[in-house]
Amino acid sequence: MRGPRIAPVTTPAPADETPICSARGCRVPAVWALRWNNPRLHDADRRKTWLACADHRESLGAFLDARGFLREVVAVPQSPTLEP
């Protein structure tokens, strides 16, 4: 089974722009921030962020969780500054 296709994130969106879902090809505004890290690569307190719309929250979360990377899911307004 292949995981969801993720669009590469190169720079965070400016604060005045609506955050967009990270699923490849999705242009829907994000409502969830999936905070994760790869323990083989990142310090325990480091968090990367994928954004998800309501339709992609489950598939993106399942992809990260199956690898043991998912740390928390929060609503976008509560998310700290996004990291590239």
C-alpha atoms as a PDB file:
ATOM      1  CA  MET A   1       0.000   0.000   0.000  1.00  0.00           C
ATOM      2  CA  ARG A   2       1.355   3.374  -0.958  1.00  0.00           C
ATOM      3  CA  GLY A   3       0.994   6.303   1.378  1.00  0.00           C
ATOM      4  CA  PRO A   4      -0.544   9.644   0.493  1.00  0.00           C
ATOM      5  CA  ARG A   5       1.335  11.771  -1.970  1.00  0.00           C
ATOM      6  CA  ILE A   6       2.760  14.766  -0.152  1.00  0.00           C
ATOM      7  CA  ALA A   7       3.608  18.030  -1.816  1.00  0.00           C
ATOM      8  CA  PRO A   8       7.088  19.229  -0.843  1.00  0.00           C
ATOM      9  CA  VAL A   9       7.105  22.179   1.519  1.00  0.00           C
ATOM     10  CA  THR A  10       9.855  24.649   0.742  1.00  0.00           C
ATOM     11  CA  THR A  11       8.951  27.728   2.763  1.00  0.00           C
ATOM     12  CA  PRO A  12       6.244  28.521   5.292  1.00  0.00           C
ATOM     13  CA  ALA A  13       3.291  30.538   4.037  1.00  0.00           C
ATOM     14  CA  PRO A  14       3.308  34.211   5.018  1.00  0.00           C
ATOM     15  CA  ALA A  15       1.108  34.913   8.047  1.00  0.00           C
ATOM     16  CA  ASP A  16      -1.491  36.738   5.944  1.00  0.00           C
ATOM     17  CA  GLU A  17      -2.003  33.776   3.555  1.00  0.00           C
ATOM     18  CA  THR A  18      -4.463  30.986   4.191  1.00  0.00           C
ATOM     19  CA  PRO A  19      -2.600  27.745   4.976  1.00  0.00           C
ATOM     20  CA  ILE A  20      -3.237  25.039   2.360  1.00  0.00           C
ATOM     21  CA  CYS A  21      -3.447  21.268   2.846  1.00  0.00           C
ATOM     22  CA  SER A  22      -0.132  19.411   2.344  1.00  0.00           C
ATOM     23  CA  ALA A  23      -1.677  16.519   0.370  1.00  0.00           C
ATOM     24  CA  ARG A  24      -0.419  16.550  -3.212  1.00  0.00           C
ATOM     25  CA  GLY A  25      -2.756  18.427  -5.522  1.00  0.00           C
ATOM     26  CA  CYS A  26      -5.073  19.584  -2.737  1.00  0.00           C
ATOM     27  CA  ARG A  27      -5.684  23.330  -2.685  1.00  0.00           C
ATOM     28  CA  VAL A  28      -8.251  23.317   0.136  1.00  0.00           C
ATOM     29  CA  PRO A  29      -7.559  25.464   3.213  1.00  0.00           C
ATOM     30  CA  ALA A  30      -6.008  23.472   6.051  1.00  0.00           C
ATOM     31  CA  VAL A  31      -7.846  23.075   9.333  1.00  0.00           C
ATOM     32  CA  TRP A  32      -5.457  20.634  11.037  1.00  0.00           C
ATOM     33  CA  ALA A  33      -1.730  20.729  11.815  1.00  0.00           C
ATOM     34  CA  LEU A  34      -0.153  17.285  12.104  1.00  0.00           C
ATOM     35  CA  ARG A  35       2.968  17.724  14.229  1.00  0.00           C
ATOM     36  CA  TRP A  36       5.568  14.992  13.771  1.00  0.00           C
ATOM     37  CA  ASN A  37       9.215  14.028  13.877  1.00  0.00           C
ATOM     38  CA  ASN A  38      11.386  11.161  12.738  1.00  0.00           C
ATOM     39  CA  PRO A  39      13.229  10.019  15.865  1.00  0.00           C
ATOM     40  CA  ARG A  40      16.115   8.699  13.761  1.00  0.00           C
ATOM     41  CA  LEU A  41      16.707  12.161  12.285  1.00  0.00           C
ATOM     42  CA  HIS A  42      15.268  14.739  14.699  1.00  0.00           C
ATOM     43  CA  ASP A  43      15.822  15.623  18.346  1.00  0.00           C
ATOM     44  CA  ALA A  44      12.940  14.489  20.580  1.00  0.00           C
ATOM     45  CA  ASP A  45      11.589  18.036  20.973  1.00  0.00           C
ATOM     46  CA  ARG A  46      11.792  18.958  17.264  1.00  0.00           C
ATOM     47  CA  ARG A  47       8.498  19.061  15.378  1.00  0.00           C
ATOM     48  CA  LYS A  48       7.815  19.238  11.674  1.00  0.00           C
ATOM     49  CA  THR A  49       4.309  20.146  10.518  1.00  0.00           C
ATOM     50  CA  TRP A  50       2.058  18.907   7.752  1.00  0.00           C
ATOM     51  CA  LEU A  51      -1.194  20.729   7.193  1.00  0.00           C
ATOM     52  CA  ALA A  52      -4.417  18.891   6.431  1.00  0.00           C
ATOM     53  CA  CYS A  53      -7.896  19.741   5.267  1.00  0.00           C
ATOM     54  CA  ALA A  54     -10.815  17.806   6.778  1.00  0.00           C
ATOM     55  CA  ASP A  55     -10.718  15.271   3.899  1.00  0.00           C
ATOM     56  CA  HIS A  56      -6.987  14.482   4.210  1.00  0.00           C
ATOM     57  CA  ARG A  57      -6.512  14.593   8.002  1.00  0.00           C
ATOM     58  CA  GLU A  58      -7.073  10.835   8.387  1.00  0.00           C
ATOM     59  CA  SER A  59      -4.896   9.675   5.470  1.00  0.00           C
ATOM     60  CA  LEU A  60      -1.973  11.982   6.288  1.00  0.00           C
ATOM     61  CA  GLY A  61      -2.222  11.098   9.976  1.00  0.00           C
ATOM     62  CA  ALA A  62      -2.341   7.359   9.211  1.00  0.00           C
ATOM     63  CA  PHE A  63       0.755   7.673   6.999  1.00  0.00           C
ATOM     64  CA  LEU A  64       2.734   9.352   9.802  1.00  0.00           C
ATOM     65  CA  ASP A  65       1.326   7.153  12.566  1.00  0.00           C
ATOM     66  CA  ALA A  66       2.179   3.905  10.736  1.00  0.00           C
ATOM     67  CA  ARG A  67       5.842   4.994  10.829  1.00  0.00           C
ATOM     68  CA  GLY A  68       5.718   6.103  14.472  1.00  0.00           C
ATOM     69  CA  PHE A  69       6.252   9.747  13.496  1.00  0.00           C
ATOM     70  CA  LEU A  70       2.937  11.399  14.486  1.00  0.00           C
ATOM     71  CA  ARG A  71       3.204  13.304  17.773  1.00  0.00           C
ATOM     72  CA  GLU A  72       0.046  15.437  17.891  1.00  0.00           C
ATOM     73  CA  VAL A  73      -2.794  16.841  15.824  1.00  0.00           C
ATOM     74  CA  VAL A  74      -4.007  20.361  16.580  1.00  0.00           C
ATOM     75  CA  ALA A  75      -6.373  22.803  14.954  1.00  0.00           C
ATOM     76  CA  VAL A  76      -4.476  25.226  12.682  1.00  0.00           C
ATOM     77  CA  PRO A  77      -5.208  28.374  14.753  1.00  0.00           C
ATOM     78  CA  GLN A  78      -3.453  26.692  17.721  1.00  0.00           C
ATOM     79  CA  SER A  79      -0.409  25.607  15.729  1.00  0.00           C
ATOM     80  CA  PRO A  80       2.939  27.292  16.385  1.00  0.00           C
ATOM     81  CA  THR A  81       4.887  28.816  13.521  1.00  0.00           C
ATOM     82  CA  LEU A  82       5.271  26.226  10.773  1.00  0.00           C
ATOM     83  CA  GLU A  83       8.700  24.813   9.978  1.00  0.00           C
ATOM     84  CA  PRO A  84       9.773  24.003   6.421  1.00  0.00           C
END
